[in-house]
């Protein structure tokens, strides 16, 4: 049920998050320096999931239980914790950070489920 909810709501939350981030960006005095670091920090767990899946993915039907299969869940939790931590820490950029977190975190959580199945070789 959780996977179905993420599958349905990730495409809805991501454009809303992008709209919030675009609204919160200071277009009159654009400064890329702090904002690019927020995007990179919040996108790093998703990029790590892609790298894990590309390097250690197994073919379908070869169900293997190994410690590496826990990494996608840890990366998804790290993405959410990083979004909350950045929003609390940087009060002046809070709206932008929340918007980017709403755009990236649901996709990271959903892709962590896909990556966990790929790392284990057990596709549903």
C-alpha atoms as a PDB file:
ATOM      1  CA  UNK A   1       0.000   0.000   0.000  1.00  0.00           C
ATOM      2  CA  UNK A   2       2.847   2.392   0.804  1.00  0.00           C
ATOM      3  CA  UNK A   3       4.482   1.783  -2.573  1.00  0.00           C
ATOM      4  CA  UNK A   4       1.186   2.463  -4.319  1.00  0.00           C
ATOM      5  CA  UNK A   5       0.748   5.715  -2.390  1.00  0.00           C
ATOM      6  CA  UNK A   6       4.293   6.822  -3.260  1.00  0.00           C
ATOM      7  CA  UNK A   7       3.724   5.862  -6.879  1.00  0.00           C
ATOM      8  CA  UNK A   8       0.574   7.995  -6.954  1.00  0.00           C
ATOM      9  CA  UNK A   9       1.762  10.986  -4.915  1.00  0.00           C
ATOM     10  CA  UNK A  10       5.417  11.366  -5.986  1.00  0.00           C
ATOM     11  CA  UNK A  11       4.454  12.781  -9.404  1.00  0.00           C
ATOM     12  CA  UNK A  12       2.005  15.142  -7.672  1.00  0.00           C
ATOM     13  CA  UNK A  13       4.325  16.384  -4.914  1.00  0.00           C
ATOM     14  CA  UNK A  14       7.357  16.944  -7.123  1.00  0.00           C
ATOM     15  CA  UNK A  15       5.830  19.643  -9.373  1.00  0.00           C
ATOM     16  CA  UNK A  16       4.319  21.317  -6.311  1.00  0.00           C
ATOM     17  CA  UNK A  17       7.767  21.336  -4.687  1.00  0.00           C
ATOM     18  CA  UNK A  18       9.343  22.745  -7.845  1.00  0.00           C
ATOM     19  CA  UNK A  19       6.709  25.485  -7.946  1.00  0.00           C
ATOM     20  CA  UNK A  20       7.408  26.377  -4.295  1.00  0.00           C
ATOM     21  CA  UNK A  21      11.162  26.448  -4.955  1.00  0.00           C
ATOM     22  CA  UNK A  22      10.718  28.637  -8.052  1.00  0.00           C
ATOM     23  CA  UNK A  23       8.459  30.982  -6.090  1.00  0.00           C
ATOM     24  CA  UNK A  24      10.929  31.215  -3.185  1.00  0.00           C
ATOM     25  CA  UNK A  25      14.003  31.838  -5.356  1.00  0.00           C
ATOM     26  CA  UNK A  26      15.026  35.538  -5.298  1.00  0.00           C
ATOM     27  CA  UNK A  27      14.596  36.362  -8.989  1.00  0.00           C
ATOM     28  CA  UNK A  28      15.307  40.090  -8.578  1.00  0.00           C
ATOM     29  CA  UNK A  29      18.784  39.525  -7.161  1.00  0.00           C
ATOM     30  CA  UNK A  30      19.723  36.055  -8.375  1.00  0.00           C
ATOM     31  CA  UNK A  31      22.542  34.438  -6.477  1.00  0.00           C
ATOM     32  CA  UNK A  32      23.296  30.875  -7.346  1.00  0.00           C
ATOM     33  CA  UNK A  33      25.780  30.158  -4.574  1.00  0.00           C
ATOM     34  CA  UNK A  34      23.636  28.981  -1.613  1.00  0.00           C
ATOM     35  CA  UNK A  35      20.811  27.599  -3.725  1.00  0.00           C
ATOM     36  CA  UNK A  36      22.880  25.265  -5.876  1.00  0.00           C
ATOM     37  CA  UNK A  37      24.351  23.686  -2.737  1.00  0.00           C
ATOM     38  CA  UNK A  38      20.863  22.988  -1.376  1.00  0.00           C
ATOM     39  CA  UNK A  39      19.858  21.280  -4.618  1.00  0.00           C
ATOM     40  CA  UNK A  40      23.059  19.250  -4.736  1.00  0.00           C
ATOM     41  CA  UNK A  41      22.821  18.236  -1.072  1.00  0.00           C
ATOM     42  CA  UNK A  42      19.229  17.087  -1.403  1.00  0.00           C
ATOM     43  CA  UNK A  43      19.838  15.359  -4.734  1.00  0.00           C
ATOM     44  CA  UNK A  44      22.939  13.457  -3.624  1.00  0.00           C
ATOM     45  CA  UNK A  45      21.062  10.493  -2.044  1.00  0.00           C
ATOM     46  CA  UNK A  46      19.068  10.041  -5.268  1.00  0.00           C
ATOM     47  CA  UNK A  47      22.267  10.074  -7.317  1.00  0.00           C
ATOM     48  CA  UNK A  48      23.790   7.569  -4.892  1.00  0.00           C
ATOM     49  CA  UNK A  49      20.772   5.290  -5.406  1.00  0.00           C
ATOM     50  CA  UNK A  50      21.272   5.420  -9.183  1.00  0.00           C
ATOM     51  CA  UNK A  51      24.971   4.604  -8.740  1.00  0.00           C
ATOM     52  CA  UNK A  52      24.273   1.699  -6.364  1.00  0.00           C
ATOM     53  CA  UNK A  53      21.705   0.265  -8.733  1.00  0.00           C
ATOM     54  CA  UNK A  54      24.007   0.600 -11.742  1.00  0.00           C
ATOM     55  CA  UNK A  55      27.020  -0.931  -9.976  1.00  0.00           C
ATOM     56  CA  UNK A  56      25.495  -3.691  -7.867  1.00  0.00           C
ATOM     57  CA  UNK A  57      22.112  -4.482  -9.439  1.00  0.00           C
ATOM     58  CA  UNK A  58      21.305  -8.147  -9.980  1.00  0.00           C
ATOM     59  CA  UNK A  59      19.236  -9.731 -12.741  1.00  0.00           C
ATOM     60  CA  UNK A  60      15.623 -10.570 -11.984  1.00  0.00           C
ATOM     61  CA  UNK A  61      15.021 -13.924 -10.350  1.00  0.00           C
ATOM     62  CA  UNK A  62      18.308 -14.163  -8.461  1.00  0.00           C
ATOM     63  CA  UNK A  63      17.048 -13.314  -4.989  1.00  0.00           C
ATOM     64  CA  UNK A  64      20.077 -12.713  -2.789  1.00  0.00           C
ATOM     65  CA  UNK A  65      20.017 -11.365   0.745  1.00  0.00           C
ATOM     66  CA  UNK A  66      23.079  -9.242   1.460  1.00  0.00           C
ATOM     67  CA  UNK A  67      23.884  -6.292   3.725  1.00  0.00           C
ATOM     68  CA  UNK A  68      23.982  -3.933   0.723  1.00  0.00           C
ATOM     69  CA  UNK A  69      20.204  -4.306   0.336  1.00  0.00           C
ATOM     70  CA  UNK A  70      19.678  -2.016   3.345  1.00  0.00           C
ATOM     71  CA  UNK A  71      21.528   0.916   1.752  1.00  0.00           C
ATOM     72  CA  UNK A  72      18.557   2.283  -0.280  1.00  0.00           C
ATOM     73  CA  UNK A  73      16.395   2.591   2.824  1.00  0.00           C
ATOM     74  CA  UNK A  74      19.180   4.358   4.687  1.00  0.00           C
ATOM     75  CA  UNK A  75      19.696   6.757   1.775  1.00  0.00           C
ATOM     76  CA  UNK A  76      15.960   7.531   1.642  1.00  0.00           C
ATOM     77  CA  UNK A  77      15.902   8.276   5.365  1.00  0.00           C
ATOM     78  CA  UNK A  78      19.035  10.397   4.988  1.00  0.00           C
ATOM     79  CA  UNK A  79      17.335  12.407   2.247  1.00  0.00           C
ATOM     80  CA  UNK A  80      14.347  13.179   4.455  1.00  0.00           C
ATOM     81  CA  UNK A  81      16.536  13.960   7.478  1.00  0.00           C
ATOM     82  CA  UNK A  82      18.751  16.197   5.365  1.00  0.00           C
ATOM     83  CA  UNK A  83      15.707  18.090   4.063  1.00  0.00           C
ATOM     84  CA  UNK A  84      14.401  18.663   7.573  1.00  0.00           C
ATOM     85  CA  UNK A  85      17.841  19.578   8.884  1.00  0.00           C
ATOM     86  CA  UNK A  86      18.501  22.092   6.128  1.00  0.00           C
ATOM     87  CA  UNK A  87      15.061  23.649   6.558  1.00  0.00           C
ATOM     88  CA  UNK A  88      15.651  24.081  10.284  1.00  0.00           C
ATOM     89  CA  UNK A  89      19.232  25.319   9.933  1.00  0.00           C
ATOM     90  CA  UNK A  90      18.815  27.884   7.142  1.00  0.00           C
ATOM     91  CA  UNK A  91      15.879  30.065   8.163  1.00  0.00           C
ATOM     92  CA  UNK A  92      16.374  32.672   5.442  1.00  0.00           C
ATOM     93  CA  UNK A  93      16.165  30.044   2.684  1.00  0.00           C
ATOM     94  CA  UNK A  94      13.551  27.854   4.336  1.00  0.00           C
ATOM     95  CA  UNK A  95      10.871  28.121   1.630  1.00  0.00           C
ATOM     96  CA  UNK A  96      13.324  27.205  -1.095  1.00  0.00           C
ATOM     97  CA  UNK A  97      14.700  24.245   0.854  1.00  0.00           C
ATOM     98  CA  UNK A  98      11.204  22.952   1.623  1.00  0.00           C
ATOM     99  CA  UNK A  99      10.260  23.266  -2.052  1.00  0.00           C
ATOM    100  CA  UNK A 100      13.322  21.369  -3.233  1.00  0.00           C
ATOM    101  CA  UNK A 101      12.823  18.752  -0.517  1.00  0.00           C
ATOM    102  CA  UNK A 102       9.204  18.281  -1.619  1.00  0.00           C
ATOM    103  CA  UNK A 103      10.418  17.861  -5.173  1.00  0.00           C
ATOM    104  CA  UNK A 104      13.252  15.400  -4.507  1.00  0.00           C
ATOM    105  CA  UNK A 105      12.392  13.421  -1.340  1.00  0.00           C
ATOM    106  CA  UNK A 106       9.270  11.601  -2.642  1.00  0.00           C
ATOM    107  CA  UNK A 107      11.184  10.525  -5.747  1.00  0.00           C
ATOM    108  CA  UNK A 108      14.096   9.360  -3.586  1.00  0.00           C
ATOM    109  CA  UNK A 109      11.804   7.344  -1.336  1.00  0.00           C
ATOM    110  CA  UNK A 110      10.053   5.745  -4.280  1.00  0.00           C
ATOM    111  CA  UNK A 111      13.305   4.990  -6.078  1.00  0.00           C
ATOM    112  CA  UNK A 112      14.757   3.466  -2.903  1.00  0.00           C
ATOM    113  CA  UNK A 113      12.064   0.785  -3.117  1.00  0.00           C
ATOM    114  CA  UNK A 114      12.950   0.117  -6.755  1.00  0.00           C
ATOM    115  CA  UNK A 115      16.689   0.089  -5.971  1.00  0.00           C
ATOM    116  CA  UNK A 116      16.199  -2.306  -3.047  1.00  0.00           C
ATOM    117  CA  UNK A 117      14.434  -4.754  -5.361  1.00  0.00           C
ATOM    118  CA  UNK A 118      17.176  -4.343  -7.967  1.00  0.00           C
ATOM    119  CA  UNK A 119      19.978  -4.894  -5.457  1.00  0.00           C
ATOM    120  CA  UNK A 120      18.282  -8.025  -4.135  1.00  0.00           C
ATOM    121  CA  UNK A 121      17.356  -9.334  -7.576  1.00  0.00           C
ATOM    122  CA  UNK A 122      13.775  -9.860  -6.413  1.00  0.00           C
ATOM    123  CA  UNK A 123      11.468  -7.962  -8.751  1.00  0.00           C
ATOM    124  CA  UNK A 124       7.784  -7.971  -7.972  1.00  0.00           C
END
